[in-house]
Amino acid sequence: MRDARVASDDRTEVIGLLNRALEQGDVPIGDYDHRIAAVGGATYASELLAQLRDLPPEYAWLPPAAVAPPAATGRTGRGALILGLLSLPTSFCIFGGLLGVIAVVLSLRGDRTPGLSANLLGRVFGIVGVVMSIGAAAALVIFMRADAAP
């Protein structure tokens, strides 16, 4: 695991653990001052962990980088994006509407990460493909009626 940079929230959490250790008598005041100064200047998680390493387990701190990220659902996102993109050129032969609907459904089953993602793009392209298919079907009906009129 790579040594992660720490934020002020991480430092605050470790300071809270050191405060609790001081209150419980597990850290002498002189050692406490030295540890607090080291935590204040810490840049990496290993520096924070070093200040807690020799304390009892109830003062353990888990760096944010050590927490496993959620399982990626990239396959549904990629599938939604591919089907959404395919729905655009095929929308003129009405088949794109079906691909667009499938793309939207796949994108809704995927992860909901904020920002620009494959799921979001697949959903947008799928919706555009469905709208274009509806437009192509409407144009076909209008032209067929125009040809049938006397």
C-alpha atoms as a PDB file:
ATOM      1  CA  MET A   1       0.000   0.000   0.000  1.00  0.00           C
ATOM      2  CA  ARG A   2       1.303   3.433  -0.937  1.00  0.00           C
ATOM      3  CA  ASP A   3       1.731   5.966   1.860  1.00  0.00           C
ATOM      4  CA  ALA A   4      -1.247   8.326   1.487  1.00  0.00           C
ATOM      5  CA  ARG A   5      -1.245  12.033   2.197  1.00  0.00           C
ATOM      6  CA  VAL A   6      -3.374  13.029   5.167  1.00  0.00           C
ATOM      7  CA  ALA A   7      -5.962  15.759   5.503  1.00  0.00           C
ATOM      8  CA  SER A   8      -6.693  17.964   8.481  1.00  0.00           C
ATOM      9  CA  ASP A   9      -9.607  15.663   9.403  1.00  0.00           C
ATOM     10  CA  ASP A  10      -7.143  12.773   9.774  1.00  0.00           C
ATOM     11  CA  ARG A  11      -4.876  14.859  12.002  1.00  0.00           C
ATOM     12  CA  THR A  12      -7.876  15.915  14.108  1.00  0.00           C
ATOM     13  CA  GLU A  13      -8.915  12.292  14.553  1.00  0.00           C
ATOM     14  CA  VAL A  14      -5.424  11.256  15.689  1.00  0.00           C
ATOM     15  CA  ILE A  15      -5.223  14.234  18.058  1.00  0.00           C
ATOM     16  CA  GLY A  16      -8.535  13.093  19.545  1.00  0.00           C
ATOM     17  CA  LEU A  17      -7.079   9.632  20.117  1.00  0.00           C
ATOM     18  CA  LEU A  18      -3.993  11.136  21.763  1.00  0.00           C
ATOM     19  CA  ASN A  19      -6.193  13.342  23.971  1.00  0.00           C
ATOM     20  CA  ARG A  20      -8.103  10.269  25.097  1.00  0.00           C
ATOM     21  CA  ALA A  21      -4.834   8.425  25.769  1.00  0.00           C
ATOM     22  CA  LEU A  22      -3.621  11.355  27.888  1.00  0.00           C
ATOM     23  CA  GLU A  23      -6.880  11.422  29.876  1.00  0.00           C
ATOM     24  CA  GLN A  24      -6.644   7.674  30.497  1.00  0.00           C
ATOM     25  CA  GLY A  25      -3.010   7.980  31.624  1.00  0.00           C
ATOM     26  CA  ASP A  26      -1.572   5.916  28.766  1.00  0.00           C
ATOM     27  CA  VAL A  27       0.666   8.783  27.560  1.00  0.00           C
ATOM     28  CA  PRO A  28       2.801  11.005  29.830  1.00  0.00           C
ATOM     29  CA  ILE A  29       2.388  14.771  29.322  1.00  0.00           C
ATOM     30  CA  GLY A  30       5.914  15.301  27.922  1.00  0.00           C
ATOM     31  CA  ASP A  31       5.460  12.515  25.390  1.00  0.00           C
ATOM     32  CA  TYR A  32       1.991  13.862  24.586  1.00  0.00           C
ATOM     33  CA  ASP A  33       3.396  17.285  23.638  1.00  0.00           C
ATOM     34  CA  HIS A  34       5.996  15.702  21.371  1.00  0.00           C
ATOM     35  CA  ARG A  35       3.366  13.521  19.668  1.00  0.00           C
ATOM     36  CA  ILE A  36       0.936  16.425  19.151  1.00  0.00           C
ATOM     37  CA  ALA A  37       3.704  18.475  17.484  1.00  0.00           C
ATOM     38  CA  ALA A  38       4.543  15.532  15.207  1.00  0.00           C
ATOM     39  CA  VAL A  39       0.872  15.072  14.284  1.00  0.00           C
ATOM     40  CA  GLY A  40       0.552  18.783  13.480  1.00  0.00           C
ATOM     41  CA  GLY A  41       3.413  18.563  11.003  1.00  0.00           C
ATOM     42  CA  ALA A  42       2.490  15.173   9.562  1.00  0.00           C
ATOM     43  CA  THR A  43       2.047  14.901   5.820  1.00  0.00           C
ATOM     44  CA  TYR A  44       1.655  11.149   5.370  1.00  0.00           C
ATOM     45  CA  ALA A  45      -0.406   8.461   7.091  1.00  0.00           C
ATOM     46  CA  SER A  46       2.727   6.628   8.217  1.00  0.00           C
ATOM     47  CA  GLU A  47       3.721   9.686  10.280  1.00  0.00           C
ATOM     48  CA  LEU A  48       0.349   9.634  12.061  1.00  0.00           C
ATOM     49  CA  LEU A  49       0.511   5.872  12.609  1.00  0.00           C
ATOM     50  CA  ALA A  50       3.968   6.247  14.166  1.00  0.00           C
ATOM     51  CA  GLN A  51       2.492   8.444  16.906  1.00  0.00           C
ATOM     52  CA  LEU A  52      -0.014   5.744  17.880  1.00  0.00           C
ATOM     53  CA  ARG A  53       2.050   2.603  17.245  1.00  0.00           C
ATOM     54  CA  ASP A  54       3.122   1.917  20.843  1.00  0.00           C
ATOM     55  CA  LEU A  55      -0.281   2.680  22.396  1.00  0.00           C
ATOM     56  CA  PRO A  56      -2.867   0.044  23.354  1.00  0.00           C
ATOM     57  CA  PRO A  57      -5.211  -1.222  20.585  1.00  0.00           C
ATOM     58  CA  GLU A  58      -8.135   0.980  21.659  1.00  0.00           C
ATOM     59  CA  TYR A  59      -6.184   3.950  20.264  1.00  0.00           C
ATOM     60  CA  ALA A  60      -5.728   2.404  16.829  1.00  0.00           C
ATOM     61  CA  TRP A  61      -6.354   4.557  13.767  1.00  0.00           C
ATOM     62  CA  LEU A  62      -7.138   3.232  10.298  1.00  0.00           C
ATOM     63  CA  PRO A  63      -5.885   5.475   7.478  1.00  0.00           C
ATOM     64  CA  PRO A  64      -8.487   6.287   4.818  1.00  0.00           C
ATOM     65  CA  ALA A  65      -6.335   4.694   2.096  1.00  0.00           C
ATOM     66  CA  ALA A  66      -6.440   1.376   3.969  1.00  0.00           C
ATOM     67  CA  VAL A  67     -10.203   1.169   3.554  1.00  0.00           C
ATOM     68  CA  ALA A  68     -11.064  -0.897   0.510  1.00  0.00           C
ATOM     69  CA  PRO A  69     -12.937   0.998  -2.210  1.00  0.00           C
ATOM     70  CA  PRO A  70     -16.375  -0.278  -3.176  1.00  0.00           C
ATOM     71  CA  ALA A  71     -16.523  -2.917  -5.863  1.00  0.00           C
ATOM     72  CA  ALA A  72     -16.326  -1.336  -9.284  1.00  0.00           C
ATOM     73  CA  THR A  73     -19.263  -1.796 -11.587  1.00  0.00           C
ATOM     74  CA  GLY A  74     -17.398  -0.736 -14.706  1.00  0.00           C
ATOM     75  CA  ARG A  75     -18.896  -3.429 -16.904  1.00  0.00           C
ATOM     76  CA  THR A  76     -22.430  -2.080 -16.677  1.00  0.00           C
ATOM     77  CA  GLY A  77     -21.105   1.433 -17.249  1.00  0.00           C
ATOM     78  CA  ARG A  78     -19.136   0.394 -20.312  1.00  0.00           C
ATOM     79  CA  GLY A  79     -22.073  -1.612 -21.618  1.00  0.00           C
ATOM     80  CA  ALA A  80     -24.417   1.331 -21.158  1.00  0.00           C
ATOM     81  CA  LEU A  81     -21.979   3.634 -22.923  1.00  0.00           C
ATOM     82  CA  ILE A  82     -21.482   1.276 -25.869  1.00  0.00           C
ATOM     83  CA  LEU A  83     -25.200   0.624 -26.314  1.00  0.00           C
ATOM     84  CA  GLY A  84     -25.971   4.323 -25.910  1.00  0.00           C
ATOM     85  CA  LEU A  85     -23.469   5.201 -28.608  1.00  0.00           C
ATOM     86  CA  LEU A  86     -24.810   2.458 -30.903  1.00  0.00           C
ATOM     87  CA  SER A  87     -28.354   3.735 -30.406  1.00  0.00           C
ATOM     88  CA  LEU A  88     -27.517   7.025 -32.144  1.00  0.00           C
ATOM     89  CA  PRO A  89     -26.692   5.866 -35.694  1.00  0.00           C
ATOM     90  CA  THR A  90     -29.235   3.028 -35.567  1.00  0.00           C
ATOM     91  CA  SER A  91     -32.053   5.285 -34.398  1.00  0.00           C
ATOM     92  CA  PHE A  92     -33.000   6.032 -38.019  1.00  0.00           C
ATOM     93  CA  CYS A  93     -33.923   2.386 -38.549  1.00  0.00           C
ATOM     94  CA  ILE A  94     -35.968   2.359 -35.312  1.00  0.00           C
ATOM     95  CA  PHE A  95     -33.681  -0.332 -33.850  1.00  0.00           C
ATOM     96  CA  GLY A  96     -31.793   2.387 -31.963  1.00  0.00           C
ATOM     97  CA  GLY A  97     -34.760   2.964 -29.673  1.00  0.00           C
ATOM     98  CA  LEU A  98     -34.423  -0.559 -28.296  1.00  0.00           C
ATOM     99  CA  LEU A  99     -30.675  -0.136 -27.829  1.00  0.00           C
ATOM    100  CA  GLY A 100     -31.293   3.218 -26.121  1.00  0.00           C
ATOM    101  CA  VAL A 101     -33.772   1.695 -23.677  1.00  0.00           C
ATOM    102  CA  ILE A 102     -31.313  -1.084 -22.807  1.00  0.00           C
ATOM    103  CA  ALA A 103     -28.541   1.507 -22.338  1.00  0.00           C
ATOM    104  CA  VAL A 104     -30.709   3.522 -19.937  1.00  0.00           C
ATOM    105  CA  VAL A 105     -31.627   0.414 -17.930  1.00  0.00           C
ATOM    106  CA  LEU A 106     -27.974  -0.679 -17.700  1.00  0.00           C
ATOM    107  CA  SER A 107     -26.883   2.793 -16.632  1.00  0.00           C
ATOM    108  CA  LEU A 108     -29.451   2.823 -13.829  1.00  0.00           C
ATOM    109  CA  ARG A 109     -28.145  -0.516 -12.524  1.00  0.00           C
ATOM    110  CA  GLY A 110     -24.546   0.758 -12.339  1.00  0.00           C
ATOM    111  CA  ASP A 111     -22.828   2.869  -9.744  1.00  0.00           C
ATOM    112  CA  ARG A 112     -24.032   6.399  -9.049  1.00  0.00           C
ATOM    113  CA  THR A 113     -20.731   8.177  -8.764  1.00  0.00           C
ATOM    114  CA  PRO A 114     -21.007  11.946  -9.058  1.00  0.00           C
ATOM    115  CA  GLY A 115     -19.505  13.587 -12.088  1.00  0.00           C
ATOM    116  CA  LEU A 116     -18.932  12.403 -15.613  1.00  0.00           C
ATOM    117  CA  SER A 117     -18.952   8.604 -15.790  1.00  0.00           C
ATOM    118  CA  ALA A 118     -19.600   5.878 -18.337  1.00  0.00           C
ATOM    119  CA  ASN A 119     -23.006   5.276 -16.738  1.00  0.00           C
ATOM    120  CA  LEU A 120     -24.039   8.894 -17.116  1.00  0.00           C
ATOM    121  CA  LEU A 121     -22.822   9.112 -20.711  1.00  0.00           C
ATOM    122  CA  GLY A 122     -24.551   5.830 -21.584  1.00  0.00           C
ATOM    123  CA  ARG A 123     -27.797   7.121 -20.075  1.00  0.00           C
ATOM    124  CA  VAL A 124     -27.610  10.413 -21.978  1.00  0.00           C
ATOM    125  CA  PHE A 125     -26.764   8.763 -25.299  1.00  0.00           C
ATOM    126  CA  GLY A 126     -29.474   6.149 -24.709  1.00  0.00           C
ATOM    127  CA  ILE A 127     -32.111   8.822 -24.071  1.00  0.00           C
ATOM    128  CA  VAL A 128     -31.014  10.741 -27.171  1.00  0.00           C
ATOM    129  CA  GLY A 129     -31.185   7.504 -29.198  1.00  0.00           C
ATOM    130  CA  VAL A 130     -34.733   6.809 -27.969  1.00  0.00           C
ATOM    131  CA  VAL A 131     -35.844  10.356 -28.799  1.00  0.00           C
ATOM    132  CA  MET A 132     -34.267  10.143 -32.243  1.00  0.00           C
ATOM    133  CA  SER A 133     -36.001   6.789 -32.853  1.00  0.00           C
ATOM    134  CA  ILE A 134     -39.352   8.283 -31.879  1.00  0.00           C
ATOM    135  CA  GLY A 135     -38.651  11.181 -34.228  1.00  0.00           C
ATOM    136  CA  ALA A 136     -37.725   8.801 -37.054  1.00  0.00           C
ATOM    137  CA  ALA A 137     -40.907   6.775 -36.492  1.00  0.00           C
ATOM    138  CA  ALA A 138     -43.015   9.953 -36.468  1.00  0.00           C
ATOM    139  CA  ALA A 139     -41.367  11.154 -39.686  1.00  0.00           C
ATOM    140  CA  LEU A 140     -42.028   7.766 -41.318  1.00  0.00           C
ATOM    141  CA  VAL A 141     -45.718   7.899 -40.348  1.00  0.00           C
ATOM    142  CA  ILE A 142     -46.060  11.477 -41.630  1.00  0.00           C
ATOM    143  CA  PHE A 143     -44.423  10.688 -44.969  1.00  0.00           C
ATOM    144  CA  MET A 144     -46.494   7.522 -45.418  1.00  0.00           C
ATOM    145  CA  ARG A 145     -49.689   9.524 -44.833  1.00  0.00           C
ATOM    146  CA  ALA A 146     -48.519  12.208 -47.238  1.00  0.00           C
ATOM    147  CA  ASP A 147     -47.993   9.578 -49.969  1.00  0.00           C
ATOM    148  CA  ALA A 148     -51.412   8.019 -49.305  1.00  0.00           C
ATOM    149  CA  ALA A 149     -53.288  11.344 -49.514  1.00  0.00           C
ATOM    150  CA  PRO A 150     -54.986  12.103 -52.877  1.00  0.00           C
END
